[in-house]
Amino acid sequence: MKNLISLLGAFVLLLNAHAVELRLPFTGRWFVVQGGDTLNVNDHMRVRAQWYAIDFMKTGGPSGRAIVKTTGASVEDFYSWGTEVLAPAAGEVVSAIDSFQDNRVGVKDQNNPGGNQVIIKVDEHTFIFLAHMQKGSVKVKAGDHVTAGEILGLCGNSGNTSGPHIHMHIQDTPTLNHGLGQNLIFHAINVDLTGKHFTRVDWPLIRGLFVEQADGLTNS
């Protein structure tokens, strides 16, 4: 029993050693379109390297719950389109792609699934992927050091996507879809869940939540 407790303690220490404090990669109120640890709430769970990945769409309108302004027939009609994508944590940019065209709504580029994307190395086992940015909007390059909350680019519709949104996941390698996906826990966020409001909580995210970064979180 003592040996088991020691092993469990070592495992917890290992997890904590690679834990990273994350802020949301945007400002304002957004909807979690994909998120969680089962296929019924998160299609990304089909790919081992993208386990726990999250797709976010900005919301607006009178209800604060709409993702499009009218019919959603064009990328410009999405509230997400052209919004700033922020670094979720401090680290080194290991890759920044800015050359892919943005798709029309309903068109997907399956040959370049991430589209215009930025990969941030937090440590040797933690690489943050942020995908589907607008062509020509990426403001960083490989080798740059970024702080949490720094602007990386603008939300677009490049890559394998059905509409403008921010895709985010963490892998233990810098090569897309190689390695193991890691759970994401966001720090100091406000969450709306079935009419209940939670303020400045540290939560993993699941499909169906409305989230925003709480005021007063400083960059690091």
Protein backbone atom coordinates (compact mmCIF):
# COMPACT_ATOMS: atom_id res chain seq x y z
CA MET A 1 0.00 0.00 0.00
CA LYS A 2 2.82 2.42 0.84
CA ASN A 3 4.43 1.72 -2.51
CA LEU A 4 1.12 2.40 -4.30
CA ILE A 5 0.68 5.69 -2.45
CA SER A 6 4.24 6.68 -3.34
CA LEU A 7 3.62 5.87 -7.01
CA LEU A 8 0.37 7.86 -7.04
CA GLY A 9 2.13 10.77 -5.38
CA ALA A 10 4.89 10.70 -7.98
CA PHE A 11 2.30 10.60 -10.77
CA VAL A 12 0.50 13.65 -9.36
CA LEU A 13 3.80 15.51 -9.09
CA LEU A 14 4.60 14.64 -12.71
CA LEU A 15 1.22 15.97 -13.87
CA ASN A 16 1.66 19.16 -11.90
CA ALA A 17 5.16 19.64 -13.28
CA HIS A 18 3.72 19.91 -16.77
CA ALA A 19 0.55 21.79 -15.82
CA VAL A 20 0.23 25.19 -17.44
CA GLU A 21 -2.00 28.06 -16.37
CA LEU A 22 -4.12 29.03 -19.35
CA ARG A 23 -6.18 32.08 -20.20
CA LEU A 24 -8.83 32.01 -22.89
CA PRO A 25 -7.45 32.85 -26.37
CA PHE A 26 -9.81 35.82 -26.86
CA THR A 27 -11.71 38.60 -25.15
CA GLY A 28 -15.48 38.84 -24.82
CA ARG A 29 -18.14 36.13 -24.68
CA TRP A 30 -17.68 32.93 -26.70
CA PHE A 31 -19.46 29.59 -27.04
CA VAL A 32 -17.76 26.20 -26.68
CA VAL A 33 -18.79 24.39 -29.89
CA GLN A 34 -16.63 21.32 -29.28
CA GLY A 35 -15.09 20.35 -25.96
CA GLY A 36 -14.94 17.61 -23.36
CA ASP A 37 -13.54 14.11 -23.09
CA THR A 38 -16.15 11.98 -24.89
CA LEU A 39 -17.18 11.70 -28.53
CA ASN A 40 -20.75 12.77 -27.88
CA VAL A 41 -19.55 16.27 -26.94
CA ASN A 42 -16.19 16.48 -28.73
CA ASP A 43 -15.40 15.11 -32.18
CA HIS A 44 -11.69 15.74 -31.58
CA MET A 45 -11.58 12.73 -29.24
CA ARG A 46 -11.29 10.58 -32.40
CA VAL A 47 -7.68 11.76 -32.78
CA ARG A 48 -5.33 10.85 -29.92
CA ALA A 49 -3.13 13.92 -30.40
CA GLN A 50 -6.18 16.21 -30.28
CA TRP A 51 -7.83 14.76 -27.20
CA TYR A 52 -9.59 17.53 -25.22
CA ALA A 53 -9.28 20.03 -28.11
CA ILE A 54 -11.74 22.93 -28.02
CA ASP A 55 -13.51 24.93 -30.74
CA PHE A 56 -14.74 28.40 -29.78
CA MET A 57 -17.19 30.70 -31.59
CA LYS A 58 -17.83 34.30 -30.58
CA THR A 59 -21.41 35.18 -29.70
CA GLY A 60 -23.43 38.38 -30.01
CA GLY A 61 -26.85 39.78 -30.78
CA PRO A 62 -29.59 40.80 -28.33
CA SER A 63 -29.47 37.45 -26.53
CA GLY A 64 -25.67 37.25 -26.42
CA ARG A 65 -26.04 33.68 -27.69
CA ALA A 66 -26.08 34.05 -31.49
CA ILE A 67 -22.98 33.00 -33.46
CA VAL A 68 -24.04 34.75 -36.71
CA LYS A 69 -25.50 38.19 -37.39
CA THR A 70 -28.08 37.05 -39.96
CA THR A 71 -28.04 33.80 -41.97
CA GLY A 72 -24.39 32.73 -41.72
CA ALA A 73 -24.07 32.55 -45.51
CA SER A 74 -20.69 34.33 -45.52
CA VAL A 75 -17.67 34.29 -43.24
CA GLU A 76 -18.17 37.99 -42.53
CA ASP A 77 -21.57 37.19 -41.00
CA PHE A 78 -19.97 35.27 -38.12
CA TYR A 79 -19.20 37.20 -34.96
CA SER A 80 -15.91 35.25 -34.74
CA TRP A 81 -14.61 36.53 -38.08
CA GLY A 82 -11.73 38.98 -37.70
CA THR A 83 -11.57 38.90 -33.90
CA GLU A 84 -8.19 38.85 -32.19
CA VAL A 85 -6.65 35.50 -31.25
CA LEU A 86 -4.58 35.78 -28.07
CA ALA A 87 -1.77 33.66 -26.64
CA PRO A 88 -3.22 31.44 -23.89
CA ALA A 89 0.14 31.23 -22.10
CA ALA A 90 3.68 32.54 -22.28
CA GLY A 91 6.13 30.61 -24.44
CA GLU A 92 8.18 30.41 -27.62
CA VAL A 93 6.59 30.33 -31.06
CA VAL A 94 7.87 27.22 -32.83
CA SER A 95 5.71 27.57 -35.94
CA ALA A 96 3.59 30.29 -37.52
CA ILE A 97 1.74 29.71 -40.81
CA ASP A 98 0.06 32.60 -42.59
CA SER A 99 -0.26 31.66 -46.27
CA PHE A 100 -3.48 29.67 -46.68
CA GLN A 101 -6.60 31.17 -48.18
CA ASP A 102 -9.72 31.53 -46.07
CA ASN A 103 -12.51 29.21 -47.20
CA ARG A 104 -16.03 30.15 -48.14
CA VAL A 105 -18.66 28.85 -45.72
CA GLY A 106 -19.19 25.15 -46.38
CA VAL A 107 -15.80 24.66 -48.10
CA LYS A 108 -13.03 22.80 -46.24
CA ASP A 109 -9.30 22.47 -46.91
CA GLN A 110 -8.72 18.92 -45.72
CA ASN A 111 -5.18 18.87 -47.13
CA ASN A 112 -4.12 21.61 -44.69
CA PRO A 113 -6.30 20.91 -41.65
CA GLY A 114 -4.87 23.56 -39.33
CA GLY A 115 -4.85 26.27 -41.96
CA ASN A 116 -3.09 29.39 -40.73
CA GLN A 117 -1.91 28.49 -37.26
CA VAL A 118 0.49 29.29 -34.45
CA ILE A 119 2.20 26.72 -32.24
CA ILE A 120 3.58 27.86 -28.88
CA LYS A 121 6.09 25.82 -26.86
CA VAL A 122 5.48 26.25 -23.14
CA ASP A 123 7.92 23.54 -22.07
CA GLU A 124 9.45 20.35 -23.46
CA HIS A 125 6.15 18.48 -23.18
CA THR A 126 3.58 21.23 -23.81
CA PHE A 127 2.80 22.67 -27.25
CA ILE A 128 -0.28 24.85 -27.74
CA PHE A 129 -1.91 24.80 -31.19
CA LEU A 130 -4.18 27.67 -32.32
CA ALA A 131 -5.67 27.14 -35.77
CA HIS A 132 -7.87 28.55 -38.58
CA MET A 133 -6.59 32.15 -38.56
CA GLN A 134 -7.11 34.67 -41.36
CA LYS A 135 -4.57 34.77 -44.15
CA GLY A 136 -2.15 37.66 -43.66
CA SER A 137 -3.16 38.29 -40.05
CA VAL A 138 -0.54 36.32 -38.09
CA LYS A 139 1.69 38.76 -36.22
CA VAL A 140 4.35 36.40 -34.83
CA LYS A 141 7.04 34.18 -36.29
CA ALA A 142 9.05 31.15 -35.21
CA GLY A 143 11.51 32.08 -32.48
CA ASP A 144 9.40 34.88 -31.01
CA HIS A 145 8.64 34.81 -27.30
CA VAL A 146 5.06 35.72 -26.45
CA THR A 147 3.27 36.57 -23.22
CA ALA A 148 -0.19 35.39 -22.17
CA GLY A 149 -2.76 37.67 -23.76
CA GLU A 150 -0.50 38.83 -26.60
CA ILE A 151 -2.20 39.15 -30.01
CA LEU A 152 -1.20 36.34 -32.37
CA GLY A 153 -3.50 37.04 -35.32
CA LEU A 154 -7.16 37.18 -36.32
CA CYS A 155 -9.83 34.49 -36.35
CA GLY A 156 -10.43 33.26 -39.88
CA ASN A 157 -11.74 30.29 -41.81
CA SER A 158 -8.63 28.57 -43.17
CA GLY A 159 -8.00 24.84 -43.03
CA ASN A 160 -10.47 22.05 -42.32
CA THR A 161 -13.27 24.17 -40.89
CA SER A 162 -16.98 24.66 -41.53
CA GLY A 163 -17.10 28.24 -40.26
CA PRO A 164 -14.94 30.90 -38.57
CA HIS A 165 -13.83 29.78 -35.13
CA ILE A 166 -10.76 29.37 -32.92
CA HIS A 167 -9.45 25.82 -32.55
CA MET A 168 -7.15 25.15 -29.61
CA HIS A 169 -5.48 22.02 -28.34
CA ILE A 170 -2.31 21.00 -26.51
CA GLN A 171 0.01 18.16 -27.56
CA ASP A 172 3.20 16.78 -26.05
CA THR A 173 4.96 17.18 -29.44
CA PRO A 174 5.19 20.09 -31.92
CA THR A 175 4.04 18.01 -34.92
CA LEU A 176 0.33 18.24 -35.68
CA ASN A 177 -1.54 15.00 -34.90
CA HIS A 178 1.55 13.25 -33.51
CA GLY A 179 1.70 12.58 -29.79
CA LEU A 180 -0.82 12.75 -26.99
CA GLY A 181 -3.42 15.44 -26.42
CA GLN A 182 -3.56 17.07 -23.00
CA ASN A 183 -6.48 18.36 -20.98
CA LEU A 184 -6.96 22.14 -20.85
CA ILE A 185 -7.91 23.93 -17.63
CA PHE A 186 -8.50 27.67 -17.94
CA HIS A 187 -7.77 30.06 -15.09
CA ALA A 188 -10.03 32.84 -13.79
CA ILE A 189 -12.87 32.54 -16.29
CA ASN A 190 -16.56 33.36 -16.11
CA VAL A 191 -18.88 30.54 -17.20
CA ASP A 192 -22.59 30.39 -18.04
CA LEU A 193 -24.08 26.92 -17.73
CA THR A 194 -27.83 26.32 -18.19
CA GLY A 195 -28.73 29.67 -16.71
CA LYS A 196 -26.22 29.55 -13.86
CA HIS A 197 -23.26 31.93 -13.74
CA PHE A 198 -19.88 31.01 -12.26
CA THR A 199 -17.30 33.76 -11.71
CA ARG A 200 -13.48 33.50 -11.78
CA VAL A 201 -13.39 29.71 -11.79
CA ASP A 202 -10.61 27.37 -12.94
CA TRP A 203 -12.36 24.87 -15.21
CA PRO A 204 -11.88 22.44 -18.07
CA LEU A 205 -14.47 23.12 -20.78
CA ILE A 206 -17.23 21.08 -22.38
CA ARG A 207 -19.55 21.71 -25.34
CA GLY A 208 -22.44 24.03 -24.52
CA LEU A 209 -20.73 26.49 -22.19
CA PHE A 210 -20.59 30.27 -22.69
CA VAL A 211 -17.26 31.58 -21.43
CA GLU A 212 -15.28 34.78 -21.06
CA GLN A 213 -12.05 35.75 -19.37
CA ALA A 214 -12.63 37.40 -16.00
CA ASP A 215 -11.46 41.01 -15.69
CA GLY A 216 -8.20 41.69 -13.95
CA LEU A 217 -6.18 38.68 -15.13
CA THR A 218 -2.69 39.99 -15.81
CA ASN A 219 -0.35 38.76 -18.52
CA SER A 220 2.59 36.63 -17.59
